[in-house]
Amino acid sequence: APLPQLSAAIALVGGISQQLQERKAEALAQISAAFEDLEQALQQRKQALVSDLEAICGAKQKVLQTQLDTLRQGQEHIG
């Protein structure tokens, strides 16, 4: 029969190995969750910036279009 100490050591090392695997899985889950949160925050920020850009450019484009219309009307009157 194998030595009791040897069996105990095998069981101990096996248990530690199992615990390591479980802790690794937990750490991986935490890493994934953290990066999902960051990705979501980045996407939201990107969308906000794109929306701001669209609004600003749209407003400026309206002003330019109004100026163009006014200038064209003036051109017609002169012509």
C-alpha atoms as a PDB file:
ATOM      1  CA  ALA A   1       0.000   0.000   0.000  1.00  0.00           C
ATOM      2  CA  PRO A   2       1.312   3.480  -0.761  1.00  0.00           C
ATOM      3  CA  LEU A   3       2.483   5.631   2.098  1.00  0.00           C
ATOM      4  CA  PRO A   4      -0.317   7.655   3.743  1.00  0.00           C
ATOM      5  CA  GLN A   5       1.862  10.742   3.511  1.00  0.00           C
ATOM      6  CA  LEU A   6       2.169  10.256  -0.247  1.00  0.00           C
ATOM      7  CA  SER A   7      -1.585   9.892  -0.683  1.00  0.00           C
ATOM      8  CA  ALA A   8      -2.151  12.991   1.436  1.00  0.00           C
ATOM      9  CA  ALA A   9       0.402  14.957  -0.612  1.00  0.00           C
ATOM     10  CA  ILE A  10      -1.232  13.856  -3.883  1.00  0.00           C
ATOM     11  CA  ALA A  11      -4.651  14.907  -2.580  1.00  0.00           C
ATOM     12  CA  LEU A  12      -3.256  18.254  -1.380  1.00  0.00           C
ATOM     13  CA  VAL A  13      -1.535  19.080  -4.670  1.00  0.00           C
ATOM     14  CA  GLY A  14      -4.604  17.964  -6.617  1.00  0.00           C
ATOM     15  CA  GLY A  15      -6.783  20.240  -4.494  1.00  0.00           C
ATOM     16  CA  ILE A  16      -4.439  23.197  -4.978  1.00  0.00           C
ATOM     17  CA  SER A  17      -4.414  22.558  -8.734  1.00  0.00           C
ATOM     18  CA  GLN A  18      -8.213  22.516  -8.801  1.00  0.00           C
ATOM     19  CA  GLN A  19      -8.350  25.731  -6.762  1.00  0.00           C
ATOM     20  CA  LEU A  20      -5.926  27.383  -9.198  1.00  0.00           C
ATOM     21  CA  GLN A  21      -8.153  26.478 -12.135  1.00  0.00           C
ATOM     22  CA  GLU A  22     -11.206  27.903 -10.359  1.00  0.00           C
ATOM     23  CA  ARG A  23      -9.408  31.135  -9.480  1.00  0.00           C
ATOM     24  CA  LYS A  24      -8.185  31.440 -13.069  1.00  0.00           C
ATOM     25  CA  ALA A  25     -11.764  31.080 -14.337  1.00  0.00           C
ATOM     26  CA  GLU A  26     -12.964  33.742 -11.865  1.00  0.00           C
ATOM     27  CA  ALA A  27     -10.175  36.120 -12.921  1.00  0.00           C
ATOM     28  CA  LEU A  28     -10.988  35.583 -16.608  1.00  0.00           C
ATOM     29  CA  ALA A  29     -14.646  36.338 -15.927  1.00  0.00           C
ATOM     30  CA  GLN A  30     -13.698  39.544 -14.089  1.00  0.00           C
ATOM     31  CA  ILE A  31     -11.380  40.636 -16.913  1.00  0.00           C
ATOM     32  CA  SER A  32     -14.077  39.979 -19.502  1.00  0.00           C
ATOM     33  CA  ALA A  33     -16.711  41.859 -17.492  1.00  0.00           C
ATOM     34  CA  ALA A  34     -14.410  44.846 -16.977  1.00  0.00           C
ATOM     35  CA  PHE A  35     -13.603  45.100 -20.679  1.00  0.00           C
ATOM     36  CA  GLU A  36     -17.244  44.699 -21.673  1.00  0.00           C
ATOM     37  CA  ASP A  37     -18.056  47.660 -19.419  1.00  0.00           C
ATOM     38  CA  LEU A  38     -15.225  49.688 -20.962  1.00  0.00           C
ATOM     39  CA  GLU A  39     -16.292  48.778 -24.508  1.00  0.00           C
ATOM     40  CA  GLN A  40     -19.870  49.795 -23.726  1.00  0.00           C
ATOM     41  CA  ALA A  41     -18.707  53.111 -22.241  1.00  0.00           C
ATOM     42  CA  LEU A  42     -16.504  53.777 -25.281  1.00  0.00           C
ATOM     43  CA  GLN A  43     -19.344  53.012 -27.697  1.00  0.00           C
ATOM     44  CA  GLN A  44     -21.686  55.341 -25.806  1.00  0.00           C
ATOM     45  CA  ARG A  45     -19.071  58.116 -25.828  1.00  0.00           C
ATOM     46  CA  LYS A  46     -18.454  57.575 -29.534  1.00  0.00           C
ATOM     47  CA  GLN A  47     -22.179  57.800 -30.286  1.00  0.00           C
ATOM     48  CA  ALA A  48     -22.474  60.996 -28.221  1.00  0.00           C
ATOM     49  CA  LEU A  49     -19.556  62.598 -30.086  1.00  0.00           C
ATOM     50  CA  VAL A  50     -20.941  61.538 -33.475  1.00  0.00           C
ATOM     51  CA  SER A  51     -24.364  62.955 -32.545  1.00  0.00           C
ATOM     52  CA  ASP A  52     -22.784  66.243 -31.438  1.00  0.00           C
ATOM     53  CA  LEU A  53     -20.818  66.435 -34.686  1.00  0.00           C
ATOM     54  CA  GLU A  54     -23.941  65.767 -36.760  1.00  0.00           C
ATOM     55  CA  ALA A  55     -25.905  68.451 -34.878  1.00  0.00           C
ATOM     56  CA  ILE A  56     -23.142  71.078 -35.168  1.00  0.00           C
ATOM     57  CA  CYS A  57     -22.521  70.418 -38.870  1.00  0.00           C
ATOM     58  CA  GLY A  58     -26.252  70.353 -39.574  1.00  0.00           C
ATOM     59  CA  ALA A  59     -26.728  73.736 -37.922  1.00  0.00           C
ATOM     60  CA  LYS A  60     -23.774  75.272 -39.781  1.00  0.00           C
ATOM     61  CA  GLN A  61     -24.986  73.774 -43.064  1.00  0.00           C
ATOM     62  CA  LYS A  62     -28.407  75.423 -42.543  1.00  0.00           C
ATOM     63  CA  VAL A  63     -26.763  78.816 -42.052  1.00  0.00           C
ATOM     64  CA  LEU A  64     -24.656  78.361 -45.191  1.00  0.00           C
ATOM     65  CA  GLN A  65     -27.665  77.217 -47.201  1.00  0.00           C
ATOM     66  CA  THR A  66     -29.629  80.300 -46.080  1.00  0.00           C
ATOM     67  CA  GLN A  67     -26.728  82.532 -47.130  1.00  0.00           C
ATOM     68  CA  LEU A  68     -26.529  80.790 -50.500  1.00  0.00           C
ATOM     69  CA  ASP A  69     -30.275  81.190 -51.063  1.00  0.00           C
ATOM     70  CA  THR A  70     -30.050  84.889 -50.202  1.00  0.00           C
ATOM     71  CA  LEU A  71     -27.077  85.413 -52.538  1.00  0.00           C
ATOM     72  CA  ARG A  72     -28.811  83.577 -55.382  1.00  0.00           C
ATOM     73  CA  GLN A  73     -31.938  85.697 -54.947  1.00  0.00           C
ATOM     74  CA  GLY A  74     -29.745  88.779 -55.107  1.00  0.00           C
ATOM     75  CA  GLN A  75     -28.088  87.460 -58.252  1.00  0.00           C
ATOM     76  CA  GLU A  76     -31.480  86.948 -59.897  1.00  0.00           C
ATOM     77  CA  HIS A  77     -32.564  90.489 -59.088  1.00  0.00           C
ATOM     78  CA  ILE A  78     -29.338  91.934 -60.485  1.00  0.00           C
ATOM     79  CA  GLY A  79     -29.363  89.652 -63.529  1.00  0.00           C
END
